[in-house]
Amino acid sequence: MQEKVLVIPTHEVERLTNGEKGVIEVKIDHIKKIIEEQGRFITRDFAEYDEELRQVIPYVVMKTDQGILLLRRTDKQGEKRLHNKYSVGVGGHIRFEDSPDPWQAFVNGMTREINEEVKVQLLDLKYIGLINDTASSVSRVHVGLLYLATVIFYGLNEPDMFEHAFRSLDSFDELEKNLEGWSYLTVVKLKELMQS
């Protein structure tokens, strides 16, 4: 059976973000309402090529008193374009199996994605905003819901897929050209929030 993933209409993302790119501070109630009322599950193969729809992805940054969790993808991962790229977010597609109810699926799917990738005790989870990036054909069919999680970190669940370290936000400047697109936008936003 083909994987079915959660999508919402692209025009709703553009409306919520006023067409702005980057991490846009949109109230959680507004995006939740769209997911509840217009979220649906379609086959992932179809979703990857339909720019009228955005696949909804939780993107969770892990923070401890040592800094932000930085992941570097190893060449053990299937997607060659991402080898040796750095990421600050944990997350992935929301599936119909997470719940037939779109918002509950998002909540359950975010928990599942965190548990699949890292071993952590969650102390706090704060929603930051929407990641709206239209720079590539891949990013144009996804929208991220960015969260900052304060955690106690116990390790990675797939240590052969990633190398990891904890870094202060200030130290990310030297890595910028090697950050994945959403990670770059996330670091920019988190720095901005720290200064305000």
N, C-alpha and C. Protein backbone atom coordinates (compact mmCIF):
# COMPACT_ATOMS: atom_id res chain seq x y z
N MET A 1 0.83 -1.20 0.00
CA MET A 1 0.00 0.00 0.00
C MET A 1 0.87 1.26 0.00
N GLN A 2 0.49 2.23 -0.81
CA GLN A 2 1.27 3.46 -0.90
C GLN A 2 1.11 4.32 0.34
N GLU A 3 2.22 4.95 0.75
CA GLU A 3 2.19 5.86 1.90
C GLU A 3 1.33 7.08 1.58
N LYS A 4 0.42 7.42 2.52
CA LYS A 4 -0.39 8.62 2.37
C LYS A 4 0.07 9.66 3.38
N VAL A 5 0.28 10.89 2.91
CA VAL A 5 0.84 11.94 3.77
C VAL A 5 -0.12 13.12 3.86
N LEU A 6 0.04 13.88 4.94
CA LEU A 6 -0.83 15.03 5.21
C LEU A 6 -0.42 16.23 4.36
N VAL A 7 -1.41 16.82 3.68
CA VAL A 7 -1.17 18.02 2.86
C VAL A 7 -2.23 19.07 3.17
N ILE A 8 -1.86 20.33 2.89
CA ILE A 8 -2.81 21.45 2.93
C ILE A 8 -2.62 22.26 1.64
N PRO A 9 -3.60 23.09 1.25
CA PRO A 9 -3.46 23.86 0.02
C PRO A 9 -2.35 24.91 0.10
N THR A 10 -1.56 25.00 -0.97
CA THR A 10 -0.48 25.99 -1.04
C THR A 10 -1.01 27.41 -0.88
N HIS A 11 -2.16 27.70 -1.47
CA HIS A 11 -2.68 29.08 -1.40
C HIS A 11 -2.96 29.51 0.04
N GLU A 12 -3.28 28.54 0.93
CA GLU A 12 -3.51 28.88 2.34
C GLU A 12 -2.19 29.22 3.04
N VAL A 13 -1.12 28.51 2.67
CA VAL A 13 0.21 28.83 3.23
C VAL A 13 0.63 30.23 2.78
N GLU A 14 0.41 30.52 1.49
CA GLU A 14 0.78 31.83 0.97
C GLU A 14 -0.05 32.94 1.64
N ARG A 15 -1.32 32.65 1.91
CA ARG A 15 -2.17 33.64 2.58
C ARG A 15 -1.69 33.90 4.00
N LEU A 16 -1.41 32.82 4.73
CA LEU A 16 -0.96 32.96 6.13
C LEU A 16 0.37 33.70 6.25
N THR A 17 1.25 33.49 5.27
CA THR A 17 2.60 34.09 5.33
C THR A 17 2.69 35.39 4.54
N ASN A 18 1.56 35.83 3.94
CA ASN A 18 1.56 37.00 3.05
C ASN A 18 2.61 36.87 1.95
N GLY A 19 2.88 35.63 1.55
CA GLY A 19 3.85 35.38 0.49
C GLY A 19 5.30 35.57 0.90
N GLU A 20 5.53 35.87 2.18
CA GLU A 20 6.91 36.05 2.67
C GLU A 20 7.62 34.71 2.75
N LYS A 21 8.94 34.76 2.57
CA LYS A 21 9.75 33.54 2.63
C LYS A 21 10.57 33.55 3.92
N GLY A 22 10.91 32.34 4.37
CA GLY A 22 11.69 32.21 5.60
C GLY A 22 10.83 31.59 6.68
N VAL A 23 11.20 31.85 7.94
CA VAL A 23 10.38 31.42 9.07
C VAL A 23 9.47 32.59 9.43
N ILE A 24 8.18 32.39 9.23
CA ILE A 24 7.20 33.46 9.42
C ILE A 24 6.39 33.17 10.67
N GLU A 25 6.28 34.18 11.54
CA GLU A 25 5.53 34.01 12.78
C GLU A 25 4.03 34.07 12.49
N VAL A 26 3.45 32.90 12.40
CA VAL A 26 2.01 32.73 12.16
C VAL A 26 1.46 32.07 13.42
N LYS A 27 0.35 32.57 13.94
CA LYS A 27 -0.22 31.98 15.16
C LYS A 27 -0.55 30.51 14.95
N ILE A 28 -0.26 29.69 15.95
CA ILE A 28 -0.50 28.25 15.85
C ILE A 28 -1.99 27.96 15.61
N ASP A 29 -2.87 28.78 16.21
CA ASP A 29 -4.31 28.55 16.01
C ASP A 29 -4.71 28.68 14.54
N HIS A 30 -4.03 29.57 13.82
CA HIS A 30 -4.38 29.79 12.41
C HIS A 30 -3.99 28.59 11.54
N ILE A 31 -2.79 28.07 11.76
CA ILE A 31 -2.36 26.92 10.97
C ILE A 31 -3.12 25.66 11.41
N LYS A 32 -3.40 25.57 12.71
CA LYS A 32 -4.17 24.42 13.21
C LYS A 32 -5.56 24.36 12.56
N LYS A 33 -6.20 25.53 12.43
CA LYS A 33 -7.53 25.60 11.82
C LYS A 33 -7.49 25.11 10.36
N ILE A 34 -6.46 25.52 9.63
CA ILE A 34 -6.35 25.09 8.23
C ILE A 34 -6.11 23.58 8.15
N ILE A 35 -5.24 23.06 9.03
CA ILE A 35 -4.99 21.61 9.03
C ILE A 35 -6.28 20.86 9.38
N GLU A 36 -7.01 21.35 10.38
CA GLU A 36 -8.26 20.68 10.79
C GLU A 36 -9.30 20.71 9.67
N GLU A 37 -9.45 21.86 9.00
CA GLU A 37 -10.54 22.04 8.04
C GLU A 37 -10.18 21.61 6.62
N GLN A 38 -8.88 21.75 6.25
CA GLN A 38 -8.50 21.49 4.86
C GLN A 38 -7.41 20.45 4.69
N GLY A 39 -6.90 19.95 5.81
CA GLY A 39 -5.87 18.92 5.74
C GLY A 39 -6.47 17.62 5.21
N ARG A 40 -5.71 16.94 4.35
CA ARG A 40 -6.15 15.63 3.85
C ARG A 40 -4.92 14.79 3.56
N PHE A 41 -5.15 13.52 3.36
CA PHE A 41 -4.05 12.58 3.12
C PHE A 41 -4.08 12.13 1.67
N ILE A 42 -2.95 12.28 0.98
CA ILE A 42 -2.86 11.79 -0.40
C ILE A 42 -1.57 10.99 -0.55
N THR A 43 -1.47 10.23 -1.62
CA THR A 43 -0.26 9.41 -1.79
C THR A 43 0.95 10.32 -1.94
N ARG A 44 2.03 9.91 -1.30
CA ARG A 44 3.24 10.74 -1.28
C ARG A 44 3.79 10.93 -2.69
N ASP A 45 3.72 9.90 -3.51
CA ASP A 45 4.23 10.00 -4.89
C ASP A 45 3.55 11.15 -5.64
N PHE A 46 2.27 11.32 -5.41
CA PHE A 46 1.52 12.40 -6.05
C PHE A 46 1.88 13.75 -5.42
N ALA A 47 1.96 13.77 -4.08
CA ALA A 47 2.21 15.01 -3.34
C ALA A 47 3.56 15.64 -3.71
N GLU A 48 4.55 14.80 -4.02
CA GLU A 48 5.90 15.30 -4.31
C GLU A 48 5.97 16.16 -5.57
N TYR A 49 4.93 16.08 -6.43
CA TYR A 49 4.98 16.80 -7.71
C TYR A 49 3.84 17.79 -7.89
N ASP A 50 3.01 17.98 -6.87
CA ASP A 50 1.87 18.89 -7.00
C ASP A 50 2.12 20.16 -6.20
N GLU A 51 2.50 21.24 -6.88
CA GLU A 51 2.83 22.48 -6.18
C GLU A 51 1.59 23.24 -5.70
N GLU A 52 0.39 22.71 -5.98
CA GLU A 52 -0.84 23.29 -5.43
C GLU A 52 -1.05 22.85 -3.97
N LEU A 53 -0.24 21.87 -3.54
CA LEU A 53 -0.37 21.32 -2.19
C LEU A 53 0.97 21.40 -1.47
N ARG A 54 0.92 21.51 -0.14
CA ARG A 54 2.14 21.47 0.68
C ARG A 54 2.03 20.32 1.67
N GLN A 55 3.05 19.47 1.69
CA GLN A 55 3.13 18.41 2.69
C GLN A 55 3.54 19.05 4.02
N VAL A 56 2.82 18.72 5.07
CA VAL A 56 3.01 19.36 6.38
C VAL A 56 4.08 18.58 7.16
N ILE A 57 5.15 19.29 7.55
CA ILE A 57 6.29 18.65 8.21
C ILE A 57 6.57 19.33 9.55
N PRO A 58 6.53 18.59 10.67
CA PRO A 58 7.02 19.17 11.92
C PRO A 58 8.55 19.24 11.85
N TYR A 59 9.13 20.36 12.28
CA TYR A 59 10.58 20.55 12.24
C TYR A 59 11.00 21.01 13.63
N VAL A 60 11.60 20.09 14.38
CA VAL A 60 11.84 20.32 15.81
C VAL A 60 13.34 20.47 16.08
N VAL A 61 13.70 21.64 16.62
CA VAL A 61 15.09 21.92 17.01
C VAL A 61 15.26 21.51 18.46
N MET A 62 16.31 20.73 18.75
CA MET A 62 16.58 20.24 20.10
C MET A 62 17.61 21.14 20.79
N LYS A 63 17.25 21.62 21.99
CA LYS A 63 18.14 22.51 22.73
C LYS A 63 18.40 21.95 24.12
N THR A 64 19.67 21.94 24.51
CA THR A 64 20.04 21.60 25.90
C THR A 64 20.86 22.76 26.45
N ASP A 65 21.32 22.65 27.68
CA ASP A 65 22.18 23.72 28.21
C ASP A 65 23.54 23.74 27.53
N GLN A 66 23.83 22.73 26.69
CA GLN A 66 25.09 22.71 25.91
C GLN A 66 24.94 23.41 24.56
N GLY A 67 23.72 23.72 24.17
CA GLY A 67 23.49 24.39 22.89
C GLY A 67 22.43 23.69 22.06
N ILE A 68 22.47 23.95 20.74
CA ILE A 68 21.52 23.39 19.77
C ILE A 68 22.12 22.11 19.19
N LEU A 69 21.28 21.08 19.04
CA LEU A 69 21.74 19.83 18.44
C LEU A 69 21.97 20.04 16.94
N LEU A 70 23.20 19.77 16.51
CA LEU A 70 23.58 19.87 15.11
C LEU A 70 23.83 18.46 14.59
N LEU A 71 23.16 18.11 13.50
CA LEU A 71 23.30 16.78 12.89
C LEU A 71 24.00 16.91 11.55
N ARG A 72 24.92 16.00 11.26
CA ARG A 72 25.53 15.95 9.93
C ARG A 72 25.21 14.61 9.32
N ARG A 73 24.58 14.64 8.15
CA ARG A 73 24.16 13.40 7.48
C ARG A 73 25.39 12.67 6.94
N THR A 74 25.49 11.38 7.22
CA THR A 74 26.60 10.59 6.71
C THR A 74 26.24 10.01 5.35
N ASP A 75 27.22 9.39 4.68
CA ASP A 75 26.95 8.80 3.37
C ASP A 75 26.23 7.46 3.47
N LYS A 76 25.82 7.06 4.68
CA LYS A 76 25.00 5.86 4.86
C LYS A 76 23.54 6.13 4.48
N GLN A 77 23.18 7.42 4.39
CA GLN A 77 21.80 7.78 4.03
C GLN A 77 21.60 7.66 2.53
N GLY A 78 20.38 7.35 2.14
CA GLY A 78 20.07 7.10 0.73
C GLY A 78 20.15 8.33 -0.16
N GLU A 79 19.75 9.50 0.36
CA GLU A 79 19.65 10.70 -0.46
C GLU A 79 21.03 11.37 -0.61
N LYS A 80 21.69 11.11 -1.75
CA LYS A 80 23.08 11.58 -1.98
C LYS A 80 23.21 13.10 -1.88
N ARG A 81 22.16 13.82 -2.33
CA ARG A 81 22.24 15.30 -2.31
C ARG A 81 22.41 15.85 -0.89
N LEU A 82 22.04 15.05 0.11
CA LEU A 82 22.09 15.53 1.50
C LEU A 82 23.32 15.04 2.26
N HIS A 83 24.15 14.22 1.63
CA HIS A 83 25.34 13.72 2.32
C HIS A 83 26.21 14.89 2.77
N ASN A 84 26.68 14.80 4.03
CA ASN A 84 27.56 15.79 4.64
C ASN A 84 26.92 17.16 4.84
N LYS A 85 25.61 17.24 4.62
CA LYS A 85 24.91 18.49 4.92
C LYS A 85 24.54 18.50 6.40
N TYR A 86 24.49 19.72 6.95
CA TYR A 86 24.14 19.88 8.36
C TYR A 86 22.67 20.23 8.51
N SER A 87 22.08 19.70 9.59
CA SER A 87 20.68 19.96 9.89
C SER A 87 20.54 20.29 11.37
N VAL A 88 19.61 21.18 11.70
CA VAL A 88 19.32 21.47 13.11
C VAL A 88 17.93 20.97 13.49
N GLY A 89 17.21 20.36 12.53
CA GLY A 89 15.84 19.95 12.81
C GLY A 89 15.61 18.46 12.70
N VAL A 90 14.71 17.98 13.53
CA VAL A 90 14.25 16.59 13.50
C VAL A 90 12.80 16.63 13.05
N GLY A 91 12.42 15.77 12.12
CA GLY A 91 11.02 15.76 11.68
C GLY A 91 10.85 14.97 10.40
N GLY A 92 9.62 14.94 9.92
CA GLY A 92 9.35 14.18 8.71
C GLY A 92 7.87 14.23 8.36
N HIS A 93 7.49 13.40 7.41
CA HIS A 93 6.12 13.39 6.91
C HIS A 93 5.13 12.86 7.94
N ILE A 94 3.93 13.42 7.90
CA ILE A 94 2.83 12.98 8.75
C ILE A 94 2.00 12.00 7.93
N ARG A 95 1.74 10.83 8.50
CA ARG A 95 1.07 9.76 7.75
C ARG A 95 -0.36 9.53 8.24
N PHE A 96 -1.15 8.95 7.36
CA PHE A 96 -2.52 8.59 7.71
C PHE A 96 -2.54 7.66 8.93
N GLU A 97 -1.52 6.79 9.03
CA GLU A 97 -1.44 5.86 10.17
C GLU A 97 -1.29 6.58 11.51
N ASP A 98 -0.83 7.84 11.48
CA ASP A 98 -0.67 8.60 12.74
C ASP A 98 -2.02 8.93 13.35
N SER A 99 -3.03 9.11 12.53
CA SER A 99 -4.44 9.30 12.93
C SER A 99 -5.22 9.72 11.69
N PRO A 100 -6.47 9.27 11.54
CA PRO A 100 -7.27 9.74 10.41
C PRO A 100 -7.68 11.22 10.57
N ASP A 101 -7.59 11.75 11.79
CA ASP A 101 -7.89 13.16 12.05
C ASP A 101 -6.63 13.99 11.77
N PRO A 102 -6.68 14.95 10.83
CA PRO A 102 -5.46 15.63 10.40
C PRO A 102 -4.65 16.29 11.52
N TRP A 103 -5.31 17.04 12.43
CA TRP A 103 -4.52 17.70 13.48
C TRP A 103 -3.95 16.68 14.47
N GLN A 104 -4.74 15.69 14.84
CA GLN A 104 -4.24 14.66 15.76
C GLN A 104 -3.09 13.88 15.11
N ALA A 105 -3.21 13.68 13.79
CA ALA A 105 -2.13 13.02 13.05
C ALA A 105 -0.84 13.84 13.15
N PHE A 106 -0.99 15.17 13.05
CA PHE A 106 0.20 16.04 13.15
C PHE A 106 0.85 15.89 14.53
N VAL A 107 0.05 15.97 15.56
CA VAL A 107 0.57 15.87 16.94
C VAL A 107 1.24 14.50 17.15
N ASN A 108 0.53 13.44 16.78
CA ASN A 108 1.08 12.08 16.95
C ASN A 108 2.31 11.87 16.07
N GLY A 109 2.25 12.38 14.84
CA GLY A 109 3.36 12.20 13.90
C GLY A 109 4.62 12.92 14.35
N MET A 110 4.45 14.11 14.95
CA MET A 110 5.61 14.84 15.46
C MET A 110 6.28 14.03 16.57
N THR A 111 5.49 13.48 17.48
CA THR A 111 6.04 12.64 18.56
C THR A 111 6.75 11.42 17.98
N ARG A 112 6.12 10.78 17.00
CA ARG A 112 6.73 9.60 16.37
C ARG A 112 8.07 9.95 15.73
N GLU A 113 8.11 11.06 14.98
CA GLU A 113 9.34 11.47 14.30
C GLU A 113 10.47 11.75 15.30
N ILE A 114 10.14 12.44 16.40
CA ILE A 114 11.15 12.71 17.43
C ILE A 114 11.69 11.39 17.96
N ASN A 115 10.77 10.48 18.31
CA ASN A 115 11.19 9.20 18.91
C ASN A 115 11.96 8.31 17.94
N GLU A 116 11.68 8.45 16.64
CA GLU A 116 12.42 7.65 15.64
C GLU A 116 13.87 8.11 15.53
N GLU A 117 14.09 9.41 15.71
CA GLU A 117 15.42 9.95 15.42
C GLU A 117 16.31 10.15 16.64
N VAL A 118 15.73 10.54 17.77
CA VAL A 118 16.56 10.84 18.95
C VAL A 118 15.97 10.22 20.21
N LYS A 119 16.87 10.00 21.18
CA LYS A 119 16.43 9.57 22.52
C LYS A 119 16.52 10.79 23.41
N VAL A 120 15.37 11.34 23.78
CA VAL A 120 15.35 12.56 24.59
C VAL A 120 14.22 12.49 25.61
N GLN A 121 14.40 13.29 26.66
CA GLN A 121 13.28 13.59 27.56
C GLN A 121 12.88 15.02 27.24
N LEU A 122 11.62 15.20 26.86
CA LEU A 122 11.12 16.50 26.45
C LEU A 122 10.75 17.32 27.69
N LEU A 123 11.39 18.48 27.87
CA LEU A 123 11.08 19.35 29.00
C LEU A 123 10.13 20.47 28.61
N ASP A 124 10.26 20.94 27.36
CA ASP A 124 9.43 22.05 26.91
C ASP A 124 9.39 22.02 25.38
N LEU A 125 8.24 22.37 24.80
CA LEU A 125 8.09 22.40 23.35
C LEU A 125 7.39 23.70 22.98
N LYS A 126 8.11 24.56 22.24
CA LYS A 126 7.57 25.88 21.91
C LYS A 126 7.46 26.04 20.40
N TYR A 127 6.26 26.36 19.93
CA TYR A 127 6.05 26.62 18.51
C TYR A 127 6.63 27.98 18.15
N ILE A 128 7.35 28.06 17.01
CA ILE A 128 8.00 29.30 16.58
C ILE A 128 7.28 29.94 15.38
N GLY A 129 7.00 29.14 14.34
CA GLY A 129 6.36 29.70 13.15
C GLY A 129 6.39 28.72 11.99
N LEU A 130 5.96 29.21 10.82
CA LEU A 130 5.93 28.39 9.60
C LEU A 130 7.21 28.60 8.80
N ILE A 131 7.74 27.50 8.26
CA ILE A 131 8.87 27.59 7.34
C ILE A 131 8.29 27.58 5.93
N ASN A 132 8.39 28.74 5.26
CA ASN A 132 7.87 28.88 3.89
C ASN A 132 9.07 29.16 2.98
N ASP A 133 9.47 28.14 2.24
CA ASP A 133 10.67 28.22 1.39
C ASP A 133 10.28 27.74 0.00
N THR A 134 10.45 28.61 -1.00
CA THR A 134 10.07 28.22 -2.36
C THR A 134 11.29 28.19 -3.29
N ALA A 135 12.48 28.04 -2.71
CA ALA A 135 13.72 28.12 -3.49
C ALA A 135 13.93 26.92 -4.41
N SER A 136 13.35 25.77 -4.08
CA SER A 136 13.58 24.59 -4.90
C SER A 136 12.26 23.85 -5.14
N SER A 137 12.28 22.93 -6.11
CA SER A 137 11.07 22.16 -6.41
C SER A 137 10.67 21.29 -5.22
N VAL A 138 11.64 20.87 -4.40
CA VAL A 138 11.32 20.08 -3.20
C VAL A 138 10.67 20.97 -2.14
N SER A 139 11.28 22.13 -1.87
CA SER A 139 10.72 22.98 -0.81
C SER A 139 9.36 23.55 -1.18
N ARG A 140 9.07 23.67 -2.47
CA ARG A 140 7.77 24.22 -2.89
C ARG A 140 6.61 23.28 -2.65
N VAL A 141 6.88 22.02 -2.32
CA VAL A 141 5.80 21.08 -2.02
C VAL A 141 5.77 20.67 -0.53
N HIS A 142 6.47 21.45 0.31
CA HIS A 142 6.49 21.20 1.75
C HIS A 142 6.29 22.51 2.50
N VAL A 143 5.74 22.42 3.71
CA VAL A 143 5.72 23.54 4.64
C VAL A 143 6.10 22.99 6.01
N GLY A 144 6.95 23.73 6.71
CA GLY A 144 7.40 23.27 8.02
C GLY A 144 6.71 24.02 9.14
N LEU A 145 6.41 23.30 10.21
CA LEU A 145 5.98 23.93 11.46
C LEU A 145 7.16 23.82 12.40
N LEU A 146 7.80 24.95 12.68
CA LEU A 146 9.03 24.98 13.44
C LEU A 146 8.76 25.03 14.94
N TYR A 147 9.40 24.12 15.67
CA TYR A 147 9.30 24.07 17.13
C TYR A 147 10.70 24.08 17.73
N LEU A 148 10.81 24.65 18.93
CA LEU A 148 12.05 24.58 19.70
C LEU A 148 11.77 23.73 20.93
N ALA A 149 12.49 22.62 21.06
CA ALA A 149 12.29 21.68 22.17
C ALA A 149 13.47 21.78 23.13
N THR A 150 13.18 22.02 24.40
CA THR A 150 14.20 21.93 25.43
C THR A 150 14.18 20.49 25.94
N VAL A 151 15.34 19.83 25.89
CA VAL A 151 15.37 18.39 26.15
C VAL A 151 16.55 18.00 27.04
N ILE A 152 16.44 16.81 27.61
CA ILE A 152 17.60 16.09 28.13
C ILE A 152 17.93 15.06 27.05
N PHE A 153 19.15 15.11 26.55
CA PHE A 153 19.54 14.32 25.38
C PHE A 153 20.26 13.05 25.81
N TYR A 154 19.79 11.90 25.31
CA TYR A 154 20.42 10.61 25.65
C TYR A 154 21.14 9.97 24.47
N GLY A 155 20.89 10.47 23.24
CA GLY A 155 21.59 9.90 22.10
C GLY A 155 20.72 9.84 20.86
N LEU A 156 21.32 9.35 19.77
CA LEU A 156 20.63 9.19 18.49
C LEU A 156 20.12 7.77 18.36
N ASN A 157 19.01 7.58 17.67
CA ASN A 157 18.49 6.24 17.43
C ASN A 157 19.14 5.57 16.22
N GLU A 158 19.69 6.38 15.31
CA GLU A 158 20.39 5.83 14.14
C GLU A 158 21.78 6.47 14.05
N PRO A 159 22.68 6.10 14.97
CA PRO A 159 23.97 6.78 15.03
C PRO A 159 24.83 6.63 13.78
N ASP A 160 24.56 5.61 12.96
CA ASP A 160 25.33 5.46 11.72
C ASP A 160 24.86 6.42 10.63
N MET A 161 23.66 6.99 10.77
CA MET A 161 23.11 7.90 9.76
C MET A 161 23.56 9.36 9.98
N PHE A 162 23.89 9.68 11.23
CA PHE A 162 24.24 11.06 11.56
C PHE A 162 25.46 11.11 12.48
N GLU A 163 26.23 12.19 12.34
CA GLU A 163 27.15 12.59 13.39
C GLU A 163 26.47 13.74 14.10
N HIS A 164 26.77 13.92 15.39
CA HIS A 164 26.09 15.01 16.09
C HIS A 164 27.03 15.76 17.03
N ALA A 165 26.64 17.00 17.32
CA ALA A 165 27.35 17.84 18.28
C ALA A 165 26.36 18.88 18.78
N PHE A 166 26.71 19.53 19.88
CA PHE A 166 25.90 20.65 20.37
C PHE A 166 26.70 21.92 20.17
N ARG A 167 26.04 22.92 19.57
CA ARG A 167 26.73 24.16 19.25
C ARG A 167 25.89 25.35 19.70
N SER A 168 26.58 26.43 20.08
CA SER A 168 25.87 27.67 20.37
C SER A 168 25.44 28.29 19.04
N LEU A 169 24.38 29.07 19.05
CA LEU A 169 23.89 29.69 17.81
C LEU A 169 24.96 30.57 17.17
N ASP A 170 25.77 31.24 18.00
CA ASP A 170 26.83 32.11 17.48
C ASP A 170 27.82 31.36 16.62
N SER A 171 28.01 30.08 16.90
CA SER A 171 29.04 29.31 16.19
C SER A 171 28.56 28.76 14.85
N PHE A 172 27.31 29.04 14.48
CA PHE A 172 26.77 28.49 13.23
C PHE A 172 27.24 29.25 11.98
N ASP A 173 27.78 30.46 12.17
CA ASP A 173 28.18 31.29 11.02
C ASP A 173 29.10 30.54 10.06
N GLU A 174 30.07 29.82 10.62
CA GLU A 174 31.06 29.12 9.78
C GLU A 174 30.46 27.96 9.01
N LEU A 175 29.28 27.48 9.45
CA LEU A 175 28.65 26.32 8.81
C LEU A 175 27.57 26.69 7.79
N GLU A 176 27.27 27.99 7.69
CA GLU A 176 26.08 28.41 6.94
C GLU A 176 25.99 27.80 5.55
N LYS A 177 27.12 27.76 4.81
CA LYS A 177 27.04 27.26 3.43
C LYS A 177 26.77 25.76 3.37
N ASN A 178 26.97 25.05 4.47
CA ASN A 178 26.72 23.61 4.50
C ASN A 178 25.41 23.23 5.21
N LEU A 179 24.65 24.23 5.62
CA LEU A 179 23.37 23.94 6.26
C LEU A 179 22.31 23.64 5.19
N GLU A 180 21.45 22.66 5.47
CA GLU A 180 20.28 22.45 4.60
C GLU A 180 19.42 23.71 4.62
N GLY A 181 18.60 23.87 3.57
CA GLY A 181 17.82 25.10 3.42
C GLY A 181 16.99 25.48 4.63
N TRP A 182 16.18 24.55 5.12
CA TRP A 182 15.33 24.86 6.28
C TRP A 182 16.17 25.14 7.52
N SER A 183 17.30 24.46 7.66
CA SER A 183 18.16 24.67 8.82
C SER A 183 18.74 26.08 8.80
N TYR A 184 19.16 26.53 7.61
CA TYR A 184 19.68 27.89 7.48
C TYR A 184 18.61 28.91 7.89
N LEU A 185 17.39 28.76 7.36
CA LEU A 185 16.30 29.69 7.69
C LEU A 185 15.98 29.66 9.19
N THR A 186 16.06 28.45 9.78
CA THR A 186 15.79 28.29 11.21
C THR A 186 16.84 29.00 12.05
N VAL A 187 18.10 28.83 11.71
CA VAL A 187 19.19 29.48 12.46
C VAL A 187 19.05 31.00 12.39
N VAL A 188 18.73 31.52 11.19
CA VAL A 188 18.51 32.97 11.04
C VAL A 188 17.41 33.44 11.98
N LYS A 189 16.30 32.70 12.03
CA LYS A 189 15.16 33.09 12.87
C LYS A 189 15.50 33.00 14.35
N LEU A 190 16.17 31.93 14.76
CA LEU A 190 16.50 31.78 16.18
C LEU A 190 17.46 32.88 16.65
N LYS A 191 18.39 33.27 15.78
CA LYS A 191 19.30 34.38 16.13
C LYS A 191 18.51 35.67 16.30
N GLU A 192 17.57 35.89 15.38
CA GLU A 192 16.73 37.09 15.42
C GLU A 192 15.92 37.13 16.72
N LEU A 193 15.37 35.99 17.12
CA LEU A 193 14.58 35.93 18.36
C LEU A 193 15.43 36.15 19.59
N MET A 194 16.68 35.68 19.55
CA MET A 194 17.59 35.88 20.70
C MET A 194 17.92 37.34 20.89
N GLN A 195 17.96 38.11 19.77
CA GLN A 195 18.34 39.53 19.87
C GLN A 195 17.16 40.42 20.23
N SER A 196 15.94 39.91 20.07
CA SER A 196 14.76 40.80 20.31
C SER A 196 14.38 40.79 21.79
